[in-house]
Amino acid sequence: MGGTASGGACDRPRFLPAGDAALTVEFGAAIDGKINGRVLALDAALAEAALPGVVETVPTYRSLLVQFDPAVLTHGELAEALAALGPASDGGKAEARRWTIPVAYGGEHGIDLEEVARHHGITAEEVVRLHLSGDYRVYMIGFAPGFAYLGGLPEALHTPRRRDPRMRVPAGTISIGGMQAAVCSTPIPSGWHLLGRTPVRGFDLRRPDPFLFRPGDRIRFVRIDAEEFGRLDALAEAGGYLPEPDGPAGGSAGGED
């Protein structure tokens, strides 16, 4: 079924039944760019292969969930087919894009900024500087529609999650929790720390493709003030503002942070 190598990565994938109609392909046990790259590479190869009976795939940090029609495939047949897949012809490179996302930090937009600064014994401005310095990788989309889980948070900002989660935080919230960062796409409950907010809609049903970010994309944040946030937020609400990717992320969706 596969063993685990050093660093939390499996030397070969583990195939684990997930109910009667799904199979989990597990590549490791850590938040790691190489592990996530293997997940996304298999996802791309499976999409290109168009195997009969495969219904949907869900890539995560370290595994790929493959949902299938049990009238067409068995767990064993699917595992054998997945193990035999080679890389996609483009290596999944077309899916990886780079984004520059504006953020208004602190105040009503980032109510935990000062608390995070006190926790680390630094100023709020230093928290912002550190957060802006990160080159973030979208590891996966999950929990809520369009919610982007990000790796690449500077170690100096690794912060335990809140002891008292909030029942609702607004869409567009930029938050951190543990070693992760995130872009919130819809109003949700959260135990993460709220540093700021972006006017960018990560999920919008009015668009042909409602999801803005994809696993493997890269994000850098740029600071805006509250007035600019209000202007862009109004435009976005009216459907008049949506950033374009800066270009390819400089490599495939795989690889390291």
C-alpha atoms as a PDB file:
ATOM      1  CA  MET A   1       0.000   0.000   0.000  1.00  0.00           C
ATOM      2  CA  GLY A   2       3.020   2.302   0.191  1.00  0.00           C
ATOM      3  CA  GLY A   3       5.509   3.359   2.834  1.00  0.00           C
ATOM      4  CA  THR A   4       6.465   6.706   4.309  1.00  0.00           C
ATOM      5  CA  ALA A   5       9.853   8.224   3.551  1.00  0.00           C
ATOM      6  CA  SER A   6      11.607  10.947   5.480  1.00  0.00           C
ATOM      7  CA  GLY A   7       9.941  14.371   5.569  1.00  0.00           C
ATOM      8  CA  GLY A   8       6.431  12.863   5.671  1.00  0.00           C
ATOM      9  CA  ALA A   9       6.371  11.823   1.999  1.00  0.00           C
ATOM     10  CA  CYS A  10       5.407   8.307   0.888  1.00  0.00           C
ATOM     11  CA  ASP A  11       7.932   6.559  -1.333  1.00  0.00           C
ATOM     12  CA  ARG A  12       4.920   5.335  -3.317  1.00  0.00           C
ATOM     13  CA  PRO A  13       1.240   6.353  -3.025  1.00  0.00           C
ATOM     14  CA  ARG A  14      -1.178   4.609  -0.683  1.00  0.00           C
ATOM     15  CA  PHE A  15      -4.577   3.659  -2.089  1.00  0.00           C
ATOM     16  CA  LEU A  16      -7.274   3.796   0.604  1.00  0.00           C
ATOM     17  CA  PRO A  17     -10.985   2.998   0.015  1.00  0.00           C
ATOM     18  CA  ALA A  18     -13.242   5.902   1.068  1.00  0.00           C
ATOM     19  CA  GLY A  19     -16.693   4.372   1.181  1.00  0.00           C
ATOM     20  CA  ASP A  20     -18.227   2.407  -1.665  1.00  0.00           C
ATOM     21  CA  ALA A  21     -17.620   4.928  -4.416  1.00  0.00           C
ATOM     22  CA  ALA A  22     -14.364   6.755  -3.706  1.00  0.00           C
ATOM     23  CA  LEU A  23     -10.647   6.080  -3.396  1.00  0.00           C
ATOM     24  CA  THR A  24      -8.096   8.219  -1.580  1.00  0.00           C
ATOM     25  CA  VAL A  25      -4.595   8.334  -3.060  1.00  0.00           C
ATOM     26  CA  GLU A  26      -2.277   9.469  -0.272  1.00  0.00           C
ATOM     27  CA  PHE A  27       1.216  10.819  -0.967  1.00  0.00           C
ATOM     28  CA  GLY A  28       2.398  11.822   2.496  1.00  0.00           C
ATOM     29  CA  ALA A  29       1.567  13.198   5.917  1.00  0.00           C
ATOM     30  CA  ALA A  30       2.824  16.780   5.837  1.00  0.00           C
ATOM     31  CA  ILE A  31       2.155  20.217   4.355  1.00  0.00           C
ATOM     32  CA  ASP A  32       4.869  20.139   1.731  1.00  0.00           C
ATOM     33  CA  GLY A  33       5.194  21.552  -1.774  1.00  0.00           C
ATOM     34  CA  LYS A  34       6.647  18.374  -3.271  1.00  0.00           C
ATOM     35  CA  ILE A  35       3.885  16.213  -1.799  1.00  0.00           C
ATOM     36  CA  ASN A  36       1.207  18.614  -3.025  1.00  0.00           C
ATOM     37  CA  GLY A  37       2.908  18.697  -6.422  1.00  0.00           C
ATOM     38  CA  ARG A  38       2.523  14.931  -6.711  1.00  0.00           C
ATOM     39  CA  VAL A  39      -1.171  15.266  -5.832  1.00  0.00           C
ATOM     40  CA  LEU A  40      -1.739  17.881  -8.531  1.00  0.00           C
ATOM     41  CA  ALA A  41       0.315  15.965 -11.105  1.00  0.00           C
ATOM     42  CA  LEU A  42      -1.867  12.875 -10.622  1.00  0.00           C
ATOM     43  CA  ASP A  43      -4.999  15.017 -10.815  1.00  0.00           C
ATOM     44  CA  ALA A  44      -3.820  16.469 -14.150  1.00  0.00           C
ATOM     45  CA  ALA A  45      -2.876  13.039 -15.510  1.00  0.00           C
ATOM     46  CA  LEU A  46      -6.236  11.589 -14.487  1.00  0.00           C
ATOM     47  CA  ALA A  47      -8.115  14.449 -16.148  1.00  0.00           C
ATOM     48  CA  GLU A  48      -6.163  13.876 -19.361  1.00  0.00           C
ATOM     49  CA  ALA A  49      -6.712  10.101 -19.267  1.00  0.00           C
ATOM     50  CA  ALA A  50     -10.507  10.488 -18.896  1.00  0.00           C
ATOM     51  CA  LEU A  51     -10.870   7.036 -17.324  1.00  0.00           C
ATOM     52  CA  PRO A  52     -14.382   5.581 -17.725  1.00  0.00           C
ATOM     53  CA  GLY A  53     -16.254   5.564 -14.433  1.00  0.00           C
ATOM     54  CA  VAL A  54     -14.361   8.421 -12.771  1.00  0.00           C
ATOM     55  CA  VAL A  55     -16.898  11.012 -11.595  1.00  0.00           C
ATOM     56  CA  GLU A  56     -14.917  13.703  -9.783  1.00  0.00           C
ATOM     57  CA  THR A  57     -11.554  14.397  -8.167  1.00  0.00           C
ATOM     58  CA  VAL A  58     -10.780  16.482  -5.077  1.00  0.00           C
ATOM     59  CA  PRO A  59      -7.117  17.456  -4.571  1.00  0.00           C
ATOM     60  CA  THR A  60      -5.985  18.252  -1.018  1.00  0.00           C
ATOM     61  CA  TYR A  61      -2.692  19.067   0.712  1.00  0.00           C
ATOM     62  CA  ARG A  62      -1.403  15.497   0.608  1.00  0.00           C
ATOM     63  CA  SER A  63      -3.961  13.278  -1.117  1.00  0.00           C
ATOM     64  CA  LEU A  64      -6.321  13.036  -4.064  1.00  0.00           C
ATOM     65  CA  LEU A  65      -9.881  11.833  -3.523  1.00  0.00           C
ATOM     66  CA  VAL A  66     -11.218  10.097  -6.637  1.00  0.00           C
ATOM     67  CA  GLN A  67     -14.956   9.528  -6.759  1.00  0.00           C
ATOM     68  CA  PHE A  68     -16.109   6.825  -9.165  1.00  0.00           C
ATOM     69  CA  ASP A  69     -19.129   4.859 -10.339  1.00  0.00           C
ATOM     70  CA  PRO A  70     -18.983   1.439  -8.639  1.00  0.00           C
ATOM     71  CA  ALA A  71     -21.088   0.003 -11.464  1.00  0.00           C
ATOM     72  CA  VAL A  72     -18.164   0.700 -13.796  1.00  0.00           C
ATOM     73  CA  LEU A  73     -15.078   0.301 -11.582  1.00  0.00           C
ATOM     74  CA  THR A  74     -13.983  -1.428  -8.412  1.00  0.00           C
ATOM     75  CA  HIS A  75     -11.557   0.040  -5.894  1.00  0.00           C
ATOM     76  CA  GLY A  76      -8.899  -2.396  -7.055  1.00  0.00           C
ATOM     77  CA  GLU A  77      -9.365  -1.666 -10.751  1.00  0.00           C
ATOM     78  CA  LEU A  78      -9.180   2.078 -10.136  1.00  0.00           C
ATOM     79  CA  ALA A  79      -6.065   1.754  -7.964  1.00  0.00           C
ATOM     80  CA  GLU A  80      -4.374  -0.312 -10.664  1.00  0.00           C
ATOM     81  CA  ALA A  81      -5.266   2.240 -13.349  1.00  0.00           C
ATOM     82  CA  LEU A  82      -4.036   5.156 -11.232  1.00  0.00           C
ATOM     83  CA  ALA A  83      -0.762   3.405 -10.422  1.00  0.00           C
ATOM     84  CA  ALA A  84      -0.137   2.940 -14.153  1.00  0.00           C
ATOM     85  CA  LEU A  85      -0.759   6.589 -15.090  1.00  0.00           C
ATOM     86  CA  GLY A  86       2.177   8.619 -16.314  1.00  0.00           C
ATOM     87  CA  PRO A  87       2.424  12.407 -16.037  1.00  0.00           C
ATOM     88  CA  ALA A  88       0.061  14.633 -17.970  1.00  0.00           C
ATOM     89  CA  SER A  89       1.470  15.830 -21.280  1.00  0.00           C
ATOM     90  CA  ASP A  90       1.776  19.409 -19.970  1.00  0.00           C
ATOM     91  CA  GLY A  91       2.672  18.372 -16.423  1.00  0.00           C
ATOM     92  CA  GLY A  92      -0.240  20.465 -15.155  1.00  0.00           C
ATOM     93  CA  LYS A  93       1.719  23.641 -15.952  1.00  0.00           C
ATOM     94  CA  ALA A  94      -1.217  25.415 -17.585  1.00  0.00           C
ATOM     95  CA  GLU A  95      -3.098  25.448 -14.301  1.00  0.00           C
ATOM     96  CA  ALA A  96      -0.509  27.351 -12.246  1.00  0.00           C
ATOM     97  CA  ARG A  97      -0.922  31.128 -12.315  1.00  0.00           C
ATOM     98  CA  ARG A  98       0.420  34.056 -10.299  1.00  0.00           C
ATOM     99  CA  TRP A  99      -1.885  36.620  -8.701  1.00  0.00           C
ATOM    100  CA  THR A 100      -1.365  39.981  -7.004  1.00  0.00           C
ATOM    101  CA  ILE A 101      -4.168  40.474  -4.482  1.00  0.00           C
ATOM    102  CA  PRO A 102      -4.860  43.832  -2.748  1.00  0.00           C
ATOM    103  CA  VAL A 103      -5.440  43.809   1.028  1.00  0.00           C
ATOM    104  CA  ALA A 104      -6.545  46.473   3.514  1.00  0.00           C
ATOM    105  CA  TYR A 105      -4.864  45.577   6.821  1.00  0.00           C
ATOM    106  CA  GLY A 106      -6.005  46.233  10.370  1.00  0.00           C
ATOM    107  CA  GLY A 107      -8.883  48.282  11.769  1.00  0.00           C
ATOM    108  CA  GLU A 108     -12.323  46.983  10.880  1.00  0.00           C
ATOM    109  CA  HIS A 109     -10.800  44.954   8.055  1.00  0.00           C
ATOM    110  CA  GLY A 110      -8.271  43.062  10.212  1.00  0.00           C
ATOM    111  CA  ILE A 111      -9.455  43.046  13.811  1.00  0.00           C
ATOM    112  CA  ASP A 112      -6.784  40.601  15.023  1.00  0.00           C
ATOM    113  CA  LEU A 113      -3.777  42.448  13.634  1.00  0.00           C
ATOM    114  CA  GLU A 114      -2.822  44.105  16.920  1.00  0.00           C
ATOM    115  CA  GLU A 115      -3.358  40.901  18.891  1.00  0.00           C
ATOM    116  CA  VAL A 116      -1.091  38.941  16.540  1.00  0.00           C
ATOM    117  CA  ALA A 117       1.542  41.662  16.922  1.00  0.00           C
ATOM    118  CA  ARG A 118       1.375  41.427  20.734  1.00  0.00           C
ATOM    119  CA  HIS A 119       1.599  37.636  20.586  1.00  0.00           C
ATOM    120  CA  HIS A 120       4.877  37.854  18.664  1.00  0.00           C
ATOM    121  CA  GLY A 121       6.234  40.884  20.497  1.00  0.00           C
ATOM    122  CA  ILE A 122       6.443  43.010  17.352  1.00  0.00           C
ATOM    123  CA  THR A 123       4.558  45.978  15.934  1.00  0.00           C
ATOM    124  CA  ALA A 124       1.460  45.732  13.765  1.00  0.00           C
ATOM    125  CA  GLU A 125       3.445  47.295  10.930  1.00  0.00           C
ATOM    126  CA  GLU A 126       6.011  44.485  11.216  1.00  0.00           C
ATOM    127  CA  VAL A 127       3.222  41.908  11.013  1.00  0.00           C
ATOM    128  CA  VAL A 128       2.008  43.559   7.817  1.00  0.00           C
ATOM    129  CA  ARG A 129       5.534  43.716   6.397  1.00  0.00           C
ATOM    130  CA  LEU A 130       6.114  40.046   7.110  1.00  0.00           C
ATOM    131  CA  HIS A 131       2.770  39.030   5.657  1.00  0.00           C
ATOM    132  CA  LEU A 132       3.426  41.033   2.500  1.00  0.00           C
ATOM    133  CA  SER A 133       6.850  39.381   2.127  1.00  0.00           C
ATOM    134  CA  GLY A 134       5.369  35.902   1.663  1.00  0.00           C
ATOM    135  CA  ASP A 135       5.161  34.130  -1.693  1.00  0.00           C
ATOM    136  CA  TYR A 136       2.087  31.991  -1.127  1.00  0.00           C
ATOM    137  CA  ARG A 137       1.123  28.733  -2.775  1.00  0.00           C
ATOM    138  CA  VAL A 138      -2.523  27.697  -3.098  1.00  0.00           C
ATOM    139  CA  TYR A 139      -2.395  24.170  -1.745  1.00  0.00           C
ATOM    140  CA  MET A 140      -6.081  23.404  -1.986  1.00  0.00           C
ATOM    141  CA  ILE A 141      -9.595  24.818  -2.170  1.00  0.00           C
ATOM    142  CA  GLY A 142     -11.967  23.571   0.494  1.00  0.00           C
ATOM    143  CA  PHE A 143     -14.030  23.984   3.677  1.00  0.00           C
ATOM    144  CA  ALA A 144     -16.225  26.566   1.903  1.00  0.00           C
ATOM    145  CA  PRO A 145     -16.643  27.365  -1.819  1.00  0.00           C
ATOM    146  CA  GLY A 146     -13.472  29.040  -3.069  1.00  0.00           C
ATOM    147  CA  PHE A 147     -11.721  29.095   0.328  1.00  0.00           C
ATOM    148  CA  ALA A 148      -7.995  29.073  -0.540  1.00  0.00           C
ATOM    149  CA  TYR A 149      -5.577  27.356   1.852  1.00  0.00           C
ATOM    150  CA  LEU A 150      -2.131  28.904   1.431  1.00  0.00           C
ATOM    151  CA  GLY A 151       1.372  27.759   2.270  1.00  0.00           C
ATOM    152  CA  GLY A 152       4.322  30.122   2.422  1.00  0.00           C
ATOM    153  CA  LEU A 153       3.460  32.082   5.565  1.00  0.00           C
ATOM    154  CA  PRO A 154       6.743  33.434   7.002  1.00  0.00           C
ATOM    155  CA  GLU A 155       7.755  31.384  10.048  1.00  0.00           C
ATOM    156  CA  ALA A 156       7.838  34.520  12.204  1.00  0.00           C
ATOM    157  CA  LEU A 157       4.030  34.718  11.787  1.00  0.00           C
ATOM    158  CA  HIS A 158       3.180  31.108  12.650  1.00  0.00           C
ATOM    159  CA  THR A 159       0.450  31.624  15.240  1.00  0.00           C
ATOM    160  CA  PRO A 160      -1.766  29.147  17.143  1.00  0.00           C
ATOM    161  CA  ARG A 161      -5.418  29.402  16.222  1.00  0.00           C
ATOM    162  CA  ARG A 162      -7.816  31.353  18.408  1.00  0.00           C
ATOM    163  CA  ARG A 163      -9.227  29.681  21.528  1.00  0.00           C
ATOM    164  CA  ASP A 164     -12.616  31.287  20.852  1.00  0.00           C
ATOM    165  CA  PRO A 165     -13.612  30.864  17.196  1.00  0.00           C
ATOM    166  CA  ARG A 166     -15.956  33.422  15.711  1.00  0.00           C
ATOM    167  CA  MET A 167     -19.277  32.306  14.298  1.00  0.00           C
ATOM    168  CA  ARG A 168     -18.967  34.524  11.238  1.00  0.00           C
ATOM    169  CA  VAL A 169     -16.168  36.361   9.435  1.00  0.00           C
ATOM    170  CA  PRO A 170     -16.766  38.288   6.196  1.00  0.00           C
ATOM    171  CA  ALA A 171     -15.934  37.148   2.689  1.00  0.00           C
ATOM    172  CA  GLY A 172     -12.571  38.423   1.535  1.00  0.00           C
ATOM    173  CA  THR A 173     -10.949  38.028   4.946  1.00  0.00           C
ATOM    174  CA  ILE A 174      -7.190  37.395   4.854  1.00  0.00           C
ATOM    175  CA  SER A 175      -6.304  35.241   7.844  1.00  0.00           C
ATOM    176  CA  ILE A 176      -3.595  33.089   9.400  1.00  0.00           C
ATOM    177  CA  GLY A 177      -3.718  29.993  11.597  1.00  0.00           C
ATOM    178  CA  GLY A 178      -0.769  27.831  12.623  1.00  0.00           C
ATOM    179  CA  MET A 179       1.644  27.714   9.679  1.00  0.00           C
ATOM    180  CA  GLN A 180      -1.117  28.417   7.158  1.00  0.00           C
ATOM    181  CA  ALA A 181      -2.620  31.505   5.584  1.00  0.00           C
ATOM    182  CA  ALA A 182      -5.930  31.773   3.775  1.00  0.00           C
ATOM    183  CA  VAL A 183      -8.182  33.837   1.551  1.00  0.00           C
ATOM    184  CA  CYS A 184     -11.773  33.514   2.719  1.00  0.00           C
ATOM    185  CA  SER A 185     -14.306  33.519  -0.115  1.00  0.00           C
ATOM    186  CA  THR A 186     -17.685  33.457   1.656  1.00  0.00           C
ATOM    187  CA  PRO A 187     -18.912  34.407   5.152  1.00  0.00           C
ATOM    188  CA  ILE A 188     -17.887  31.521   7.432  1.00  0.00           C
ATOM    189  CA  PRO A 189     -17.125  30.613  11.061  1.00  0.00           C
ATOM    190  CA  SER A 190     -13.401  30.720  11.776  1.00  0.00           C
ATOM    191  CA  GLY A 191     -10.841  30.273  14.522  1.00  0.00           C
ATOM    192  CA  TRP A 192      -8.088  31.898  12.457  1.00  0.00           C
ATOM    193  CA  HIS A 193      -6.637  35.369  13.054  1.00  0.00           C
ATOM    194  CA  LEU A 194      -7.993  38.125  10.812  1.00  0.00           C
ATOM    195  CA  LEU A 195      -5.230  40.383   9.472  1.00  0.00           C
ATOM    196  CA  GLY A 196      -7.035  42.165   6.661  1.00  0.00           C
ATOM    197  CA  ARG A 197      -9.558  41.958   3.888  1.00  0.00           C
ATOM    198  CA  THR A 198      -9.458  41.946   0.109  1.00  0.00           C
ATOM    199  CA  PRO A 199     -12.151  43.250  -2.241  1.00  0.00           C
ATOM    200  CA  VAL A 200     -11.384  40.377  -4.613  1.00  0.00           C
ATOM    201  CA  ARG A 201     -14.182  37.812  -4.858  1.00  0.00           C
ATOM    202  CA  GLY A 202     -12.607  34.367  -4.673  1.00  0.00           C
ATOM    203  CA  PHE A 203     -16.008  32.836  -5.379  1.00  0.00           C
ATOM    204  CA  ASP A 204     -18.773  34.474  -7.387  1.00  0.00           C
ATOM    205  CA  LEU A 205     -21.654  32.572  -9.000  1.00  0.00           C
ATOM    206  CA  ARG A 206     -22.136  35.390 -11.514  1.00  0.00           C
ATOM    207  CA  ARG A 207     -18.913  34.393 -13.292  1.00  0.00           C
ATOM    208  CA  PRO A 208     -18.694  31.586 -15.888  1.00  0.00           C
ATOM    209  CA  ASP A 209     -16.072  29.994 -13.626  1.00  0.00           C
ATOM    210  CA  PRO A 210     -17.113  30.945 -10.065  1.00  0.00           C
ATOM    211  CA  PHE A 211     -13.743  29.926  -8.583  1.00  0.00           C
ATOM    212  CA  LEU A 212     -10.901  32.415  -8.988  1.00  0.00           C
ATOM    213  CA  PHE A 213      -7.986  30.444  -7.511  1.00  0.00           C
ATOM    214  CA  ARG A 214      -6.850  26.910  -8.295  1.00  0.00           C
ATOM    215  CA  PRO A 215      -4.488  24.570  -6.469  1.00  0.00           C
ATOM    216  CA  GLY A 216      -0.920  25.288  -7.539  1.00  0.00           C
ATOM    217  CA  ASP A 217      -1.506  29.015  -8.115  1.00  0.00           C
ATOM    218  CA  ARG A 218       0.789  31.548  -6.442  1.00  0.00           C
ATOM    219  CA  ILE A 219      -0.333  34.673  -4.601  1.00  0.00           C
ATOM    220  CA  ARG A 220       1.436  37.808  -3.464  1.00  0.00           C
ATOM    221  CA  PHE A 221      -0.410  40.439  -1.461  1.00  0.00           C
ATOM    222  CA  VAL A 222      -0.154  44.192  -1.955  1.00  0.00           C
ATOM    223  CA  ARG A 223      -1.327  46.760   0.599  1.00  0.00           C
ATOM    224  CA  ILE A 224      -4.181  49.203  -0.024  1.00  0.00           C
ATOM    225  CA  ASP A 225      -5.841  51.671   2.333  1.00  0.00           C
ATOM    226  CA  ALA A 226      -9.428  51.613   3.580  1.00  0.00           C
ATOM    227  CA  GLU A 227     -10.582  54.154   1.008  1.00  0.00           C
ATOM    228  CA  GLU A 228      -9.197  52.118  -1.885  1.00  0.00           C
ATOM    229  CA  PHE A 229     -10.750  48.985  -0.399  1.00  0.00           C
ATOM    230  CA  GLY A 230     -14.152  50.673  -0.350  1.00  0.00           C
ATOM    231  CA  ARG A 231     -13.805  51.783  -3.965  1.00  0.00           C
ATOM    232  CA  LEU A 232     -12.700  48.371  -5.253  1.00  0.00           C
ATOM    233  CA  ASP A 233     -15.245  46.538  -3.103  1.00  0.00           C
ATOM    234  CA  ALA A 234     -18.088  48.571  -4.606  1.00  0.00           C
ATOM    235  CA  LEU A 235     -16.787  47.875  -8.097  1.00  0.00           C
ATOM    236  CA  ALA A 236     -16.458  44.154  -7.351  1.00  0.00           C
ATOM    237  CA  GLU A 237     -19.986  43.995  -5.949  1.00  0.00           C
ATOM    238  CA  ALA A 238     -21.263  45.530  -9.180  1.00  0.00           C
ATOM    239  CA  GLY A 239     -19.207  43.065 -11.242  1.00  0.00           C
ATOM    240  CA  GLY A 240     -16.802  45.752 -12.436  1.00  0.00           C
ATOM    241  CA  TYR A 241     -13.586  44.603 -10.763  1.00  0.00           C
ATOM    242  CA  LEU A 242     -11.762  41.307 -11.093  1.00  0.00           C
ATOM    243  CA  PRO A 243      -7.971  40.995 -11.157  1.00  0.00           C
ATOM    244  CA  GLU A 244      -6.275  39.166 -13.985  1.00  0.00           C
ATOM    245  CA  PRO A 245      -3.415  36.764 -13.262  1.00  0.00           C
ATOM    246  CA  ASP A 246       0.009  38.330 -13.684  1.00  0.00           C
ATOM    247  CA  GLY A 247       1.050  35.310 -15.726  1.00  0.00           C
ATOM    248  CA  PRO A 248       2.198  31.751 -15.142  1.00  0.00           C
ATOM    249  CA  ALA A 249       3.501  30.946 -11.670  1.00  0.00           C
ATOM    250  CA  GLY A 250       6.986  30.288 -13.011  1.00  0.00           C
ATOM    251  CA  GLY A 251       6.699  26.513 -13.139  1.00  0.00           C
ATOM    252  CA  SER A 252       4.210  23.700 -12.806  1.00  0.00           C
ATOM    253  CA  ALA A 253       1.611  23.340 -10.098  1.00  0.00           C
ATOM    254  CA  GLY A 254       4.021  20.927  -8.479  1.00  0.00           C
ATOM    255  CA  GLY A 255       7.309  21.611  -6.741  1.00  0.00           C
ATOM    256  CA  GLU A 256       8.312  23.240  -3.508  1.00  0.00           C
ATOM    257  CA  ASP A 257       7.096  26.370  -1.757  1.00  0.00           C
END
